[in-house]
Amino acid sequence: MKEELKRFCNSINIEHVGIAPADPYLDFERIWRRQIEKGNVSGLEEKEIEKRVYPKLTLNDAKSVIVCLFPYYTGSVEEANLSKYTYSLDYHLVIKEKLEAIAAFLEEKIEGFAYKAFVDSGPFSDRYLAYRAGLGFWGINNHIITDQYGSYVFIGYILNNYPFEEDAPQDKTCYQCFSCVKSCPGQCILGDFTINPLKCRSYITQKKGELTAEERAIVKNSPLIWGCDVCQDVCPHNEKVEKTIIEEFNKDLKYTLQHEELKQISNKEFLRRYGDRSFSWRGKGVLERNHEIIHEED
């Protein structure tokens, strides 16, 4: 069944599929509790620690997790003011559709197949699941890195009640050259494969409301009005990566948003134009604010 699963995934341009266990993630729990103790959490994660550790609290007969990688790299664009992951149609929409297609295929093949599919919205750490599924290795910058696509991958997963044979994690890490640590605009990369997300420029550009002086200084450290690519841009694992073969990530690409356009249109018009883009979920206000911070006189 695992081979059939992989063949089907390959047929819809998903090249990397692995199986993570649905046992308690006790090694992740130790790391996560330390992050909480240090205050290094964004608040966007699942609040209940147990739900992050025990898959059966989300699906009571869970037996495995199908984890898929979705590469998104289409090239570097010098004039871009949006992060690379947002160039195309919102990845949540693309990936959810593909995960549901996989689930529909398995429902036909496996009697009583039950599942829950997640893209970013699930209770678990998707990077941890990708690691457990043998799909990549940890970078110092807390990204999952692959040989083919570097760290330019999205992760989606399907918690399910079929006992797929699990894969083994890769027994390696990144080069640990510390280029990301040195270059990070917010100095959020702690050098032990964890980060303080509250100082991550990508996180800060997505915060609503007024920013502190420290946060504003971090935003000014890059020209992107949404997200941050610095730790990936300087990573040697990303130097010669392949471009994505996923069709939806290769069309209707948008690299920049002009300040004038944002000022002139209403929120309703902004959502009409860009509601299917992943930079739109916070509305146009945060994008205008970031534009103004980046271009304000010192």
C-alpha atoms as a PDB file:
ATOM      1  CA  MET A   1       0.000   0.000   0.000  1.00  0.00           C
ATOM      2  CA  LYS A   2       2.888   2.338   0.750  1.00  0.00           C
ATOM      3  CA  GLU A   3       4.249   1.863  -2.778  1.00  0.00           C
ATOM      4  CA  GLU A   4       0.797   2.539  -4.248  1.00  0.00           C
ATOM      5  CA  LEU A   5       0.594   5.688  -2.151  1.00  0.00           C
ATOM      6  CA  LYS A   6       3.955   6.901  -3.436  1.00  0.00           C
ATOM      7  CA  ARG A   7       3.032   6.141  -7.056  1.00  0.00           C
ATOM      8  CA  PHE A   8      -0.187   8.131  -6.735  1.00  0.00           C
ATOM      9  CA  CYS A   9       1.635  11.045  -5.115  1.00  0.00           C
ATOM     10  CA  ASN A  10       4.204  11.030  -7.925  1.00  0.00           C
ATOM     11  CA  SER A  11       1.336  11.161 -10.439  1.00  0.00           C
ATOM     12  CA  ILE A  12       0.215  14.521  -8.990  1.00  0.00           C
ATOM     13  CA  ASN A  13       3.788  15.903  -8.870  1.00  0.00           C
ATOM     14  CA  ILE A  14       4.511  15.128  -5.225  1.00  0.00           C
ATOM     15  CA  GLU A  15       8.025  13.701  -5.338  1.00  0.00           C
ATOM     16  CA  HIS A  16       8.803  13.381  -1.646  1.00  0.00           C
ATOM     17  CA  VAL A  17       6.505  11.356   0.598  1.00  0.00           C
ATOM     18  CA  GLY A  18       7.393   9.751   3.908  1.00  0.00           C
ATOM     19  CA  ILE A  19       5.686   8.143   6.870  1.00  0.00           C
ATOM     20  CA  ALA A  20       6.032   9.395  10.426  1.00  0.00           C
ATOM     21  CA  PRO A  21       4.795   7.359  13.388  1.00  0.00           C
ATOM     22  CA  ALA A  22       1.670   8.215  15.337  1.00  0.00           C
ATOM     23  CA  ASP A  23       3.317   7.333  18.653  1.00  0.00           C
ATOM     24  CA  PRO A  24       3.783  10.030  21.296  1.00  0.00           C
ATOM     25  CA  TYR A  25       6.461  12.528  20.243  1.00  0.00           C
ATOM     26  CA  LEU A  26       8.303  12.580  23.545  1.00  0.00           C
ATOM     27  CA  ASP A  27      11.581  13.858  22.098  1.00  0.00           C
ATOM     28  CA  PHE A  28       9.710  16.809  20.579  1.00  0.00           C
ATOM     29  CA  GLU A  29       7.950  17.416  23.916  1.00  0.00           C
ATOM     30  CA  ARG A  30      11.278  17.910  25.714  1.00  0.00           C
ATOM     31  CA  ILE A  31      12.408  20.497  23.151  1.00  0.00           C
ATOM     32  CA  TRP A  32       9.029  22.248  23.107  1.00  0.00           C
ATOM     33  CA  ARG A  33       8.819  22.542  26.891  1.00  0.00           C
ATOM     34  CA  ARG A  34      12.260  24.161  26.911  1.00  0.00           C
ATOM     35  CA  GLN A  35      11.080  26.646  24.276  1.00  0.00           C
ATOM     36  CA  ILE A  36       8.048  27.509  26.404  1.00  0.00           C
ATOM     37  CA  GLU A  37      10.223  27.975  29.513  1.00  0.00           C
ATOM     38  CA  LYS A  38      12.423  30.421  27.579  1.00  0.00           C
ATOM     39  CA  GLY A  39       9.409  32.268  26.167  1.00  0.00           C
ATOM     40  CA  ASN A  40      10.487  31.361  22.622  1.00  0.00           C
ATOM     41  CA  VAL A  41       7.007  30.731  21.228  1.00  0.00           C
ATOM     42  CA  SER A  42       5.009  32.822  18.777  1.00  0.00           C
ATOM     43  CA  GLY A  43       1.545  32.144  20.173  1.00  0.00           C
ATOM     44  CA  LEU A  44       0.403  30.827  16.788  1.00  0.00           C
ATOM     45  CA  GLU A  45       1.115  27.225  17.776  1.00  0.00           C
ATOM     46  CA  GLU A  46      -1.321  24.769  19.348  1.00  0.00           C
ATOM     47  CA  LYS A  47      -1.752  25.857  22.973  1.00  0.00           C
ATOM     48  CA  GLU A  48      -2.252  22.385  24.506  1.00  0.00           C
ATOM     49  CA  ILE A  49       1.132  20.677  24.789  1.00  0.00           C
ATOM     50  CA  GLU A  50      -0.483  17.234  24.924  1.00  0.00           C
ATOM     51  CA  LYS A  51      -2.100  17.757  21.510  1.00  0.00           C
ATOM     52  CA  ARG A  52       1.335  18.491  20.030  1.00  0.00           C
ATOM     53  CA  VAL A  53       2.710  15.258  21.483  1.00  0.00           C
ATOM     54  CA  TYR A  54      -0.073  12.656  21.367  1.00  0.00           C
ATOM     55  CA  PRO A  55      -1.561  12.127  17.858  1.00  0.00           C
ATOM     56  CA  LYS A  56      -4.434  10.036  19.221  1.00  0.00           C
ATOM     57  CA  LEU A  57      -5.894  13.163  20.852  1.00  0.00           C
ATOM     58  CA  THR A  58      -6.545  14.445  17.315  1.00  0.00           C
ATOM     59  CA  LEU A  59      -7.545  11.123  15.690  1.00  0.00           C
ATOM     60  CA  ASN A  60      -8.297   8.447  18.272  1.00  0.00           C
ATOM     61  CA  ASP A  61      -7.297   5.486  16.099  1.00  0.00           C
ATOM     62  CA  ALA A  62      -4.294   7.169  14.478  1.00  0.00           C
ATOM     63  CA  LYS A  63      -1.656   4.714  13.301  1.00  0.00           C
ATOM     64  CA  SER A  64       0.619   6.766  11.012  1.00  0.00           C
ATOM     65  CA  VAL A  65       1.194  10.165   9.450  1.00  0.00           C
ATOM     66  CA  ILE A  66       1.678  10.630   5.692  1.00  0.00           C
ATOM     67  CA  VAL A  67       4.020  13.603   5.243  1.00  0.00           C
ATOM     68  CA  CYS A  68       4.507  15.319   1.868  1.00  0.00           C
ATOM     69  CA  LEU A  69       6.926  18.008   0.725  1.00  0.00           C
ATOM     70  CA  PHE A  70       5.890  20.712  -1.740  1.00  0.00           C
ATOM     71  CA  PRO A  71       8.882  22.594  -3.182  1.00  0.00           C
ATOM     72  CA  TYR A  72       8.156  26.197  -4.131  1.00  0.00           C
ATOM     73  CA  TYR A  73      11.419  27.717  -5.381  1.00  0.00           C
ATOM     74  CA  THR A  74      10.985  29.464  -8.751  1.00  0.00           C
ATOM     75  CA  GLY A  75      14.132  31.580  -8.712  1.00  0.00           C
ATOM     76  CA  SER A  76      15.447  34.717  -7.024  1.00  0.00           C
ATOM     77  CA  VAL A  77      14.106  38.114  -8.103  1.00  0.00           C
ATOM     78  CA  GLU A  78      16.227  41.106  -7.154  1.00  0.00           C
ATOM     79  CA  GLU A  79      13.423  43.674  -7.167  1.00  0.00           C
ATOM     80  CA  ALA A  80      11.027  41.536  -5.089  1.00  0.00           C
ATOM     81  CA  ASN A  81       9.573  42.988  -1.905  1.00  0.00           C
ATOM     82  CA  LEU A  82       7.633  39.838  -1.001  1.00  0.00           C
ATOM     83  CA  SER A  83       9.069  36.616   0.391  1.00  0.00           C
ATOM     84  CA  LYS A  84       9.638  33.812  -2.139  1.00  0.00           C
ATOM     85  CA  TYR A  85       7.001  31.593  -0.572  1.00  0.00           C
ATOM     86  CA  THR A  86       4.286  34.113  -1.466  1.00  0.00           C
ATOM     87  CA  TYR A  87       5.063  34.607  -5.174  1.00  0.00           C
ATOM     88  CA  SER A  88       2.368  32.180  -6.309  1.00  0.00           C
ATOM     89  CA  LEU A  89      -1.179  31.242  -5.373  1.00  0.00           C
ATOM     90  CA  ASP A  90      -1.619  30.663  -1.628  1.00  0.00           C
ATOM     91  CA  TYR A  91       0.113  27.385  -0.844  1.00  0.00           C
ATOM     92  CA  HIS A  92      -2.564  26.454   1.704  1.00  0.00           C
ATOM     93  CA  LEU A  93      -5.114  26.181  -1.121  1.00  0.00           C
ATOM     94  CA  VAL A  94      -2.801  24.227  -3.417  1.00  0.00           C
ATOM     95  CA  ILE A  95      -1.570  21.763  -0.799  1.00  0.00           C
ATOM     96  CA  LYS A  96      -4.965  21.130   0.828  1.00  0.00           C
ATOM     97  CA  GLU A  97      -6.378  20.184  -2.574  1.00  0.00           C
ATOM     98  CA  LYS A  98      -3.519  17.720  -3.177  1.00  0.00           C
ATOM     99  CA  LEU A  99      -3.794  16.203   0.306  1.00  0.00           C
ATOM    100  CA  GLU A 100      -7.530  15.696  -0.171  1.00  0.00           C
ATOM    101  CA  ALA A 101      -6.811  13.993  -3.522  1.00  0.00           C
ATOM    102  CA  ILE A 102      -4.435  11.603  -1.743  1.00  0.00           C
ATOM    103  CA  ALA A 103      -7.041  10.908   0.928  1.00  0.00           C
ATOM    104  CA  ALA A 104      -9.731  10.245  -1.692  1.00  0.00           C
ATOM    105  CA  PHE A 105      -7.395   7.762  -3.412  1.00  0.00           C
ATOM    106  CA  LEU A 106      -6.763   5.956  -0.125  1.00  0.00           C
ATOM    107  CA  GLU A 107     -10.459   5.883   0.777  1.00  0.00           C
ATOM    108  CA  GLU A 108     -11.055   3.887  -2.388  1.00  0.00           C
ATOM    109  CA  LYS A 109      -8.219   1.478  -1.591  1.00  0.00           C
ATOM    110  CA  ILE A 110      -8.544   1.015   2.174  1.00  0.00           C
ATOM    111  CA  GLU A 111     -11.799   0.018   3.820  1.00  0.00           C
ATOM    112  CA  GLY A 112     -12.669   2.263   6.762  1.00  0.00           C
ATOM    113  CA  PHE A 113      -9.864   4.721   6.022  1.00  0.00           C
ATOM    114  CA  ALA A 114     -10.124   7.742   8.334  1.00  0.00           C
ATOM    115  CA  TYR A 115      -7.914  10.803   8.275  1.00  0.00           C
ATOM    116  CA  LYS A 116      -7.347  14.460   9.050  1.00  0.00           C
ATOM    117  CA  ALA A 117      -5.272  16.563   6.651  1.00  0.00           C
ATOM    118  CA  PHE A 118      -3.363  19.681   7.697  1.00  0.00           C
ATOM    119  CA  VAL A 119      -1.398  22.530   6.124  1.00  0.00           C
ATOM    120  CA  ASP A 120       0.013  24.837   8.826  1.00  0.00           C
ATOM    121  CA  SER A 121      -3.211  24.540  10.821  1.00  0.00           C
ATOM    122  CA  GLY A 122      -2.504  21.224  12.531  1.00  0.00           C
ATOM    123  CA  PRO A 123      -1.543  20.717  16.177  1.00  0.00           C
ATOM    124  CA  PHE A 124       1.881  19.201  15.427  1.00  0.00           C
ATOM    125  CA  SER A 125       5.192  20.687  14.313  1.00  0.00           C
ATOM    126  CA  ASP A 126       5.170  20.028  10.579  1.00  0.00           C
ATOM    127  CA  ARG A 127       8.968  20.302  10.408  1.00  0.00           C
ATOM    128  CA  TYR A 128       9.336  17.724  13.150  1.00  0.00           C
ATOM    129  CA  LEU A 129       7.007  15.376  11.246  1.00  0.00           C
ATOM    130  CA  ALA A 130       9.014  15.868   8.035  1.00  0.00           C
ATOM    131  CA  TYR A 131      12.163  15.019   9.980  1.00  0.00           C
ATOM    132  CA  ARG A 132      10.579  11.894  11.511  1.00  0.00           C
ATOM    133  CA  ALA A 133       9.349  10.846   8.054  1.00  0.00           C
ATOM    134  CA  GLY A 134      12.912  10.929   6.721  1.00  0.00           C
ATOM    135  CA  LEU A 135      12.222  13.742   4.267  1.00  0.00           C
ATOM    136  CA  GLY A 136      14.909  16.181   5.365  1.00  0.00           C
ATOM    137  CA  PHE A 137      17.437  17.139   8.018  1.00  0.00           C
ATOM    138  CA  TRP A 138      17.538  19.997  10.494  1.00  0.00           C
ATOM    139  CA  GLY A 139      19.220  23.300   9.753  1.00  0.00           C
ATOM    140  CA  ILE A 140      20.636  25.537  12.468  1.00  0.00           C
ATOM    141  CA  ASN A 141      17.953  28.015  11.342  1.00  0.00           C
ATOM    142  CA  ASN A 142      15.267  25.488  12.404  1.00  0.00           C
ATOM    143  CA  HIS A 143      14.286  24.829   8.780  1.00  0.00           C
ATOM    144  CA  ILE A 144      14.003  21.341   7.334  1.00  0.00           C
ATOM    145  CA  ILE A 145      16.539  21.016   4.511  1.00  0.00           C
ATOM    146  CA  THR A 146      16.443  18.640   1.542  1.00  0.00           C
ATOM    147  CA  ASP A 147      19.192  17.703  -0.895  1.00  0.00           C
ATOM    148  CA  GLN A 148      17.064  18.471  -3.970  1.00  0.00           C
ATOM    149  CA  TYR A 149      15.223  21.624  -2.956  1.00  0.00           C
ATOM    150  CA  GLY A 150      17.176  22.948   0.003  1.00  0.00           C
ATOM    151  CA  SER A 151      14.832  24.503   2.560  1.00  0.00           C
ATOM    152  CA  TYR A 152      12.402  25.866  -0.041  1.00  0.00           C
ATOM    153  CA  VAL A 153       9.659  23.367   0.777  1.00  0.00           C
ATOM    154  CA  PHE A 154       6.186  23.514   2.254  1.00  0.00           C
ATOM    155  CA  ILE A 155       5.003  20.596   4.373  1.00  0.00           C
ATOM    156  CA  GLY A 156       1.567  18.993   4.466  1.00  0.00           C
ATOM    157  CA  TYR A 157       0.500  15.894   6.348  1.00  0.00           C
ATOM    158  CA  ILE A 158      -2.329  13.396   6.716  1.00  0.00           C
ATOM    159  CA  LEU A 159      -2.901  11.851  10.134  1.00  0.00           C
ATOM    160  CA  ASN A 160      -4.661   8.540   9.455  1.00  0.00           C
ATOM    161  CA  ASN A 161      -5.725   5.147  10.808  1.00  0.00           C
ATOM    162  CA  TYR A 162      -3.748   2.900   8.447  1.00  0.00           C
ATOM    163  CA  PRO A 163      -0.477   1.385   9.730  1.00  0.00           C
ATOM    164  CA  PHE A 164       1.845   2.502   6.940  1.00  0.00           C
ATOM    165  CA  GLU A 165       5.423   1.406   7.602  1.00  0.00           C
ATOM    166  CA  GLU A 166       7.290   4.393   9.038  1.00  0.00           C
ATOM    167  CA  ASP A 167      10.491   5.813   7.598  1.00  0.00           C
ATOM    168  CA  ALA A 168      13.724   6.502   9.466  1.00  0.00           C
ATOM    169  CA  PRO A 169      14.980  10.043  10.088  1.00  0.00           C
ATOM    170  CA  GLN A 170      18.085  11.129   8.196  1.00  0.00           C
ATOM    171  CA  ASP A 171      21.208  10.858  10.301  1.00  0.00           C
ATOM    172  CA  LYS A 172      22.733  14.236   9.465  1.00  0.00           C
ATOM    173  CA  THR A 173      22.329  17.972   9.960  1.00  0.00           C
ATOM    174  CA  CYS A 174      23.216  21.082   7.987  1.00  0.00           C
ATOM    175  CA  TYR A 175      26.839  22.193   7.543  1.00  0.00           C
ATOM    176  CA  GLN A 176      26.525  24.382  10.649  1.00  0.00           C
ATOM    177  CA  CYS A 177      28.444  27.175   8.920  1.00  0.00           C
ATOM    178  CA  PHE A 178      26.429  29.675  11.008  1.00  0.00           C
ATOM    179  CA  SER A 179      25.925  32.022   8.023  1.00  0.00           C
ATOM    180  CA  CYS A 180      22.239  32.193   8.946  1.00  0.00           C
ATOM    181  CA  VAL A 181      23.040  33.031  12.568  1.00  0.00           C
ATOM    182  CA  LYS A 182      25.326  35.890  11.522  1.00  0.00           C
ATOM    183  CA  SER A 183      22.962  37.269   8.865  1.00  0.00           C
ATOM    184  CA  CYS A 184      19.594  37.031  10.616  1.00  0.00           C
ATOM    185  CA  PRO A 185      18.019  40.543  10.782  1.00  0.00           C
ATOM    186  CA  GLY A 186      16.565  39.899  14.239  1.00  0.00           C
ATOM    187  CA  GLN A 187      19.332  37.641  15.559  1.00  0.00           C
ATOM    188  CA  CYS A 188      16.607  35.122  16.332  1.00  0.00           C
ATOM    189  CA  ILE A 189      18.607  31.989  15.413  1.00  0.00           C
ATOM    190  CA  LEU A 190      20.036  30.629  18.647  1.00  0.00           C
ATOM    191  CA  GLY A 191      22.673  28.249  17.266  1.00  0.00           C
ATOM    192  CA  ASP A 192      21.174  25.097  18.789  1.00  0.00           C
ATOM    193  CA  PHE A 193      18.653  24.310  16.012  1.00  0.00           C
ATOM    194  CA  THR A 194      15.989  26.451  17.723  1.00  0.00           C
ATOM    195  CA  ILE A 195      14.927  30.071  17.234  1.00  0.00           C
ATOM    196  CA  ASN A 196      13.194  32.814  19.155  1.00  0.00           C
ATOM    197  CA  PRO A 197      10.252  33.437  16.790  1.00  0.00           C
ATOM    198  CA  LEU A 198       9.415  36.726  18.486  1.00  0.00           C
ATOM    199  CA  LYS A 199      12.596  38.201  16.977  1.00  0.00           C
ATOM    200  CA  CYS A 200      12.103  36.577  13.569  1.00  0.00           C
ATOM    201  CA  ARG A 201      11.619  39.233  10.907  1.00  0.00           C
ATOM    202  CA  SER A 202       9.075  37.084   9.067  1.00  0.00           C
ATOM    203  CA  TYR A 203       6.950  36.841  12.207  1.00  0.00           C
ATOM    204  CA  ILE A 204       7.277  40.557  12.950  1.00  0.00           C
ATOM    205  CA  THR A 205       6.188  41.595   9.434  1.00  0.00           C
ATOM    206  CA  GLN A 206       2.965  39.655  10.045  1.00  0.00           C
ATOM    207  CA  LYS A 207       2.167  41.192  13.435  1.00  0.00           C
ATOM    208  CA  LYS A 208      -0.775  43.547  13.634  1.00  0.00           C
ATOM    209  CA  GLY A 209      -0.689  46.931  15.336  1.00  0.00           C
ATOM    210  CA  GLU A 210       2.163  49.141  16.421  1.00  0.00           C
ATOM    211  CA  LEU A 211       5.643  47.664  16.495  1.00  0.00           C
ATOM    212  CA  THR A 212       8.244  48.373  19.172  1.00  0.00           C
ATOM    213  CA  ALA A 213      11.381  50.329  18.313  1.00  0.00           C
ATOM    214  CA  GLU A 214      13.357  47.061  18.308  1.00  0.00           C
ATOM    215  CA  GLU A 215      10.855  45.413  15.967  1.00  0.00           C
ATOM    216  CA  ARG A 216      10.874  48.397  13.627  1.00  0.00           C
ATOM    217  CA  ALA A 217      14.669  48.245  13.471  1.00  0.00           C
ATOM    218  CA  ILE A 218      14.473  44.550  12.563  1.00  0.00           C
ATOM    219  CA  VAL A 219      11.937  45.254   9.791  1.00  0.00           C
ATOM    220  CA  LYS A 220      14.257  47.924   8.342  1.00  0.00           C
ATOM    221  CA  ASN A 221      16.994  45.303   7.924  1.00  0.00           C
ATOM    222  CA  SER A 222      15.489  43.925   4.699  1.00  0.00           C
ATOM    223  CA  PRO A 223      13.497  45.334   1.741  1.00  0.00           C
ATOM    224  CA  LEU A 224      10.747  42.710   1.987  1.00  0.00           C
ATOM    225  CA  ILE A 225       7.406  44.061   3.176  1.00  0.00           C
ATOM    226  CA  TRP A 226       6.206  40.533   3.951  1.00  0.00           C
ATOM    227  CA  GLY A 227       8.256  37.665   5.311  1.00  0.00           C
ATOM    228  CA  CYS A 228      12.022  37.257   5.309  1.00  0.00           C
ATOM    229  CA  ASP A 229      14.313  35.157   3.121  1.00  0.00           C
ATOM    230  CA  VAL A 230      17.686  36.090   4.610  1.00  0.00           C
ATOM    231  CA  CYS A 231      18.505  32.833   6.435  1.00  0.00           C
ATOM    232  CA  GLN A 232      17.555  30.857   3.340  1.00  0.00           C
ATOM    233  CA  ASP A 233      19.334  33.178   0.896  1.00  0.00           C
ATOM    234  CA  VAL A 234      22.669  32.786   2.700  1.00  0.00           C
ATOM    235  CA  CYS A 235      22.360  29.024   3.283  1.00  0.00           C
ATOM    236  CA  PRO A 236      24.881  26.982   1.256  1.00  0.00           C
ATOM    237  CA  HIS A 237      22.355  24.146   1.038  1.00  0.00           C
ATOM    238  CA  ASN A 238      20.209  26.469  -1.108  1.00  0.00           C
ATOM    239  CA  GLU A 239      22.925  27.429  -3.601  1.00  0.00           C
ATOM    240  CA  LYS A 240      22.127  24.982  -6.401  1.00  0.00           C
ATOM    241  CA  VAL A 241      18.598  23.877  -5.671  1.00  0.00           C
ATOM    242  CA  GLU A 242      16.185  22.724  -8.329  1.00  0.00           C
ATOM    243  CA  LYS A 243      13.081  24.705  -9.233  1.00  0.00           C
ATOM    244  CA  THR A 244       9.681  23.348  -8.314  1.00  0.00           C
ATOM    245  CA  ILE A 245       7.824  21.083 -10.722  1.00  0.00           C
ATOM    246  CA  ILE A 246       4.465  21.913  -9.103  1.00  0.00           C
ATOM    247  CA  GLU A 247       2.485  23.693 -11.797  1.00  0.00           C
ATOM    248  CA  GLU A 248       0.462  25.897  -9.445  1.00  0.00           C
ATOM    249  CA  PHE A 249       3.656  27.376  -7.978  1.00  0.00           C
ATOM    250  CA  ASN A 250       4.987  28.289 -11.415  1.00  0.00           C
ATOM    251  CA  LYS A 251       2.204  30.495 -12.746  1.00  0.00           C
ATOM    252  CA  ASP A 252       0.751  33.959 -12.120  1.00  0.00           C
ATOM    253  CA  LEU A 253       3.754  34.937 -10.008  1.00  0.00           C
ATOM    254  CA  LYS A 254       3.812  38.260  -8.188  1.00  0.00           C
ATOM    255  CA  TYR A 255       7.042  39.640  -6.755  1.00  0.00           C
ATOM    256  CA  THR A 256       6.190  43.155  -5.599  1.00  0.00           C
ATOM    257  CA  LEU A 257       3.403  45.218  -4.068  1.00  0.00           C
ATOM    258  CA  GLN A 258       3.645  48.962  -4.605  1.00  0.00           C
ATOM    259  CA  HIS A 259       2.934  51.351  -1.744  1.00  0.00           C
ATOM    260  CA  GLU A 260       0.802  53.578  -3.978  1.00  0.00           C
ATOM    261  CA  GLU A 261      -1.503  50.701  -4.872  1.00  0.00           C
ATOM    262  CA  LEU A 262      -1.942  49.714  -1.225  1.00  0.00           C
ATOM    263  CA  LYS A 263      -2.768  53.309  -0.236  1.00  0.00           C
ATOM    264  CA  GLN A 264      -5.307  53.768  -3.018  1.00  0.00           C
ATOM    265  CA  ILE A 265      -7.400  50.599  -2.650  1.00  0.00           C
ATOM    266  CA  SER A 266      -9.873  49.616   0.064  1.00  0.00           C
ATOM    267  CA  ASN A 267      -9.510  46.514   2.215  1.00  0.00           C
ATOM    268  CA  LYS A 268     -12.348  44.953   0.250  1.00  0.00           C
ATOM    269  CA  GLU A 269     -10.586  45.635  -3.057  1.00  0.00           C
ATOM    270  CA  PHE A 270      -7.295  44.363  -1.613  1.00  0.00           C
ATOM    271  CA  LEU A 271      -8.944  41.047  -0.746  1.00  0.00           C
ATOM    272  CA  ARG A 272     -10.637  40.886  -4.136  1.00  0.00           C
ATOM    273  CA  ARG A 273      -7.259  41.236  -5.848  1.00  0.00           C
ATOM    274  CA  TYR A 274      -5.096  39.253  -3.451  1.00  0.00           C
ATOM    275  CA  GLY A 275      -7.337  37.108  -1.253  1.00  0.00           C
ATOM    276  CA  ASP A 276      -5.903  33.956  -2.855  1.00  0.00           C
ATOM    277  CA  ARG A 277      -2.330  34.933  -1.912  1.00  0.00           C
ATOM    278  CA  SER A 278      -0.643  33.947   1.326  1.00  0.00           C
ATOM    279  CA  PHE A 279       0.494  37.525   2.048  1.00  0.00           C
ATOM    280  CA  SER A 280      -3.127  38.701   2.275  1.00  0.00           C
ATOM    281  CA  TRP A 281      -4.366  37.028   5.450  1.00  0.00           C
ATOM    282  CA  ARG A 282      -3.528  39.974   7.723  1.00  0.00           C
ATOM    283  CA  GLY A 283      -5.093  42.543   5.397  1.00  0.00           C
ATOM    284  CA  LYS A 284      -3.395  45.455   3.667  1.00  0.00           C
ATOM    285  CA  GLY A 285      -2.688  47.476   6.825  1.00  0.00           C
ATOM    286  CA  VAL A 286       0.381  45.515   7.937  1.00  0.00           C
ATOM    287  CA  LEU A 287       1.827  45.653   4.416  1.00  0.00           C
ATOM    288  CA  GLU A 288       1.377  49.452   4.294  1.00  0.00           C
ATOM    289  CA  ARG A 289       2.956  49.786   7.732  1.00  0.00           C
ATOM    290  CA  ASN A 290       5.963  47.662   6.754  1.00  0.00           C
ATOM    291  CA  HIS A 291       6.406  49.627   3.521  1.00  0.00           C
ATOM    292  CA  GLU A 292       6.473  52.866   5.505  1.00  0.00           C
ATOM    293  CA  ILE A 293       8.926  51.539   8.114  1.00  0.00           C
ATOM    294  CA  ILE A 294      11.351  50.259   5.470  1.00  0.00           C
ATOM    295  CA  HIS A 295      11.336  53.513   3.529  1.00  0.00           C
ATOM    296  CA  GLU A 296      11.174  56.021   6.372  1.00  0.00           C
ATOM    297  CA  GLU A 297      14.095  58.373   6.878  1.00  0.00           C
ATOM    298  CA  ASP A 298      16.398  57.525   9.785  1.00  0.00           C
END
